């Protein structure tokens, strides 16, 4: 799930991650990339296109996503940070 969940609200993303967990076989893995920002939790950004749409972004703290993945039941959670991105790998 690469750079997709950042366009969901956190509650929507949590629901999607729970569904992914349920869909995995035992020992199945999830890999996702989400945005992080120490100063923001969400924002709407103007996206220059023919519809002049705005694009939604949610931002996660590393500890926040780590705690949530543990809460669901994921194991062997690894999180790498680079710039304003968090890559997360976890095993069911």
C-alpha atoms as a PDB file:
ATOM      1  CA  UNK A   1       0.000   0.000   0.000  1.00  0.00           C
ATOM      2  CA  UNK A   2       2.373   2.654  -1.287  1.00  0.00           C
ATOM      3  CA  UNK A   3       1.454   6.334  -0.797  1.00  0.00           C
ATOM      4  CA  UNK A   4      -2.271   5.574  -0.732  1.00  0.00           C
ATOM      5  CA  UNK A   5      -3.346   5.635   2.923  1.00  0.00           C
ATOM      6  CA  UNK A   6      -2.152   9.223   3.281  1.00  0.00           C
ATOM      7  CA  UNK A   7      -5.232  10.265   1.285  1.00  0.00           C
ATOM      8  CA  UNK A   8      -7.572   8.689   3.867  1.00  0.00           C
ATOM      9  CA  UNK A   9      -8.533  10.196   7.190  1.00  0.00           C
ATOM     10  CA  UNK A  10      -6.815   8.351  10.026  1.00  0.00           C
ATOM     11  CA  UNK A  11     -10.037   6.528  10.935  1.00  0.00           C
ATOM     12  CA  UNK A  12     -10.518   5.443   7.317  1.00  0.00           C
ATOM     13  CA  UNK A  13      -6.874   4.337   7.133  1.00  0.00           C
ATOM     14  CA  UNK A  14      -7.202   2.390  10.385  1.00  0.00           C
ATOM     15  CA  UNK A  15     -10.259   0.587   9.014  1.00  0.00           C
ATOM     16  CA  UNK A  16      -8.394  -0.248   5.804  1.00  0.00           C
ATOM     17  CA  UNK A  17      -5.355  -1.539   7.728  1.00  0.00           C
ATOM     18  CA  UNK A  18      -7.613  -3.714   9.912  1.00  0.00           C
ATOM     19  CA  UNK A  19      -9.166  -5.194   6.759  1.00  0.00           C
ATOM     20  CA  UNK A  20      -5.696  -5.851   5.318  1.00  0.00           C
ATOM     21  CA  UNK A  21      -4.703  -7.593   8.552  1.00  0.00           C
ATOM     22  CA  UNK A  22      -7.814  -9.773   8.390  1.00  0.00           C
ATOM     23  CA  UNK A  23      -7.105 -10.639   4.744  1.00  0.00           C
ATOM     24  CA  UNK A  24      -3.525 -11.778   5.396  1.00  0.00           C
ATOM     25  CA  UNK A  25      -2.571 -15.381   6.003  1.00  0.00           C
ATOM     26  CA  UNK A  26      -0.628 -16.111   9.175  1.00  0.00           C
ATOM     27  CA  UNK A  27       2.896 -14.864   8.569  1.00  0.00           C
ATOM     28  CA  UNK A  28       1.584 -12.619   5.758  1.00  0.00           C
ATOM     29  CA  UNK A  29       3.157  -9.186   5.451  1.00  0.00           C
ATOM     30  CA  UNK A  30       2.049  -5.646   4.790  1.00  0.00           C
ATOM     31  CA  UNK A  31       4.237  -2.919   3.318  1.00  0.00           C
ATOM     32  CA  UNK A  32       3.028   0.656   3.295  1.00  0.00           C
ATOM     33  CA  UNK A  33       4.335   4.158   2.880  1.00  0.00           C
ATOM     34  CA  UNK A  34       2.669   7.047   4.714  1.00  0.00           C
ATOM     35  CA  UNK A  35       3.454  10.714   5.274  1.00  0.00           C
ATOM     36  CA  UNK A  36       4.737  12.167   8.511  1.00  0.00           C
ATOM     37  CA  UNK A  37       4.970  15.713   9.811  1.00  0.00           C
ATOM     38  CA  UNK A  38       5.770  16.781  13.347  1.00  0.00           C
ATOM     39  CA  UNK A  39       3.598  19.892  13.060  1.00  0.00           C
ATOM     40  CA  UNK A  40       0.499  18.691  11.168  1.00  0.00           C
ATOM     41  CA  UNK A  41      -2.058  15.911  11.440  1.00  0.00           C
ATOM     42  CA  UNK A  42      -3.860  16.641   8.153  1.00  0.00           C
ATOM     43  CA  UNK A  43      -4.168  19.186   5.350  1.00  0.00           C
ATOM     44  CA  UNK A  44      -5.882  19.916   2.059  1.00  0.00           C
ATOM     45  CA  UNK A  45      -3.566  20.899  -0.783  1.00  0.00           C
ATOM     46  CA  UNK A  46      -4.564  22.658  -3.997  1.00  0.00           C
ATOM     47  CA  UNK A  47      -3.981  20.317  -6.902  1.00  0.00           C
ATOM     48  CA  UNK A  48      -3.654  22.060 -10.226  1.00  0.00           C
ATOM     49  CA  UNK A  49      -5.839  20.165 -12.655  1.00  0.00           C
ATOM     50  CA  UNK A  50      -8.836  20.814 -14.846  1.00  0.00           C
ATOM     51  CA  UNK A  51     -11.227  20.514 -11.884  1.00  0.00           C
ATOM     52  CA  UNK A  52      -9.117  22.658  -9.519  1.00  0.00           C
ATOM     53  CA  UNK A  53      -9.545  19.918  -6.915  1.00  0.00           C
ATOM     54  CA  UNK A  54      -7.998  19.805  -3.485  1.00  0.00           C
ATOM     55  CA  UNK A  55      -6.132  16.716  -2.320  1.00  0.00           C
ATOM     56  CA  UNK A  56      -6.348  15.458   1.263  1.00  0.00           C
ATOM     57  CA  UNK A  57      -3.284  14.294   3.195  1.00  0.00           C
ATOM     58  CA  UNK A  58      -3.091  12.751   6.666  1.00  0.00           C
ATOM     59  CA  UNK A  59       0.173  12.751   8.588  1.00  0.00           C
ATOM     60  CA  UNK A  60       1.228  10.096  11.097  1.00  0.00           C
ATOM     61  CA  UNK A  61       3.826  10.155  13.826  1.00  0.00           C
ATOM     62  CA  UNK A  62       6.147   7.132  13.901  1.00  0.00           C
ATOM     63  CA  UNK A  63       5.084   6.168  17.421  1.00  0.00           C
ATOM     64  CA  UNK A  64       1.412   6.538  16.469  1.00  0.00           C
ATOM     65  CA  UNK A  65       1.528   4.092  13.532  1.00  0.00           C
ATOM     66  CA  UNK A  66       3.785   1.707  15.443  1.00  0.00           C
ATOM     67  CA  UNK A  67       1.360   1.595  18.391  1.00  0.00           C
ATOM     68  CA  UNK A  68      -1.624   1.113  16.095  1.00  0.00           C
ATOM     69  CA  UNK A  69       0.004  -1.763  14.192  1.00  0.00           C
ATOM     70  CA  UNK A  70       0.860  -3.451  17.506  1.00  0.00           C
ATOM     71  CA  UNK A  71      -2.690  -2.891  18.758  1.00  0.00           C
ATOM     72  CA  UNK A  72      -4.139  -4.702  15.737  1.00  0.00           C
ATOM     73  CA  UNK A  73      -1.796  -7.643  16.265  1.00  0.00           C
ATOM     74  CA  UNK A  74       1.011  -7.109  13.755  1.00  0.00           C
ATOM     75  CA  UNK A  75       4.457  -8.431  14.718  1.00  0.00           C
ATOM     76  CA  UNK A  76       8.019  -7.761  13.590  1.00  0.00           C
ATOM     77  CA  UNK A  77       7.152  -4.146  12.806  1.00  0.00           C
ATOM     78  CA  UNK A  78       9.913  -2.193  11.124  1.00  0.00           C
ATOM     79  CA  UNK A  79       9.594   1.484  10.304  1.00  0.00           C
ATOM     80  CA  UNK A  80      12.067   3.497   8.245  1.00  0.00           C
ATOM     81  CA  UNK A  81      11.900   7.257   8.048  1.00  0.00           C
ATOM     82  CA  UNK A  82      13.245   9.342   5.206  1.00  0.00           C
ATOM     83  CA  UNK A  83      12.302  12.968   4.900  1.00  0.00           C
ATOM     84  CA  UNK A  84       8.559  13.252   5.454  1.00  0.00           C
ATOM     85  CA  UNK A  85       7.851   9.580   4.671  1.00  0.00           C
ATOM     86  CA  UNK A  86       7.490   6.493   6.851  1.00  0.00           C
ATOM     87  CA  UNK A  87       7.901   3.061   5.285  1.00  0.00           C
ATOM     88  CA  UNK A  88       6.288   0.378   7.425  1.00  0.00           C
ATOM     89  CA  UNK A  89       6.756  -3.385   7.134  1.00  0.00           C
ATOM     90  CA  UNK A  90       4.836  -5.688   9.476  1.00  0.00           C
ATOM     91  CA  UNK A  91       3.968  -9.383   9.733  1.00  0.00           C
ATOM     92  CA  UNK A  92       0.701 -10.939  10.817  1.00  0.00           C
END
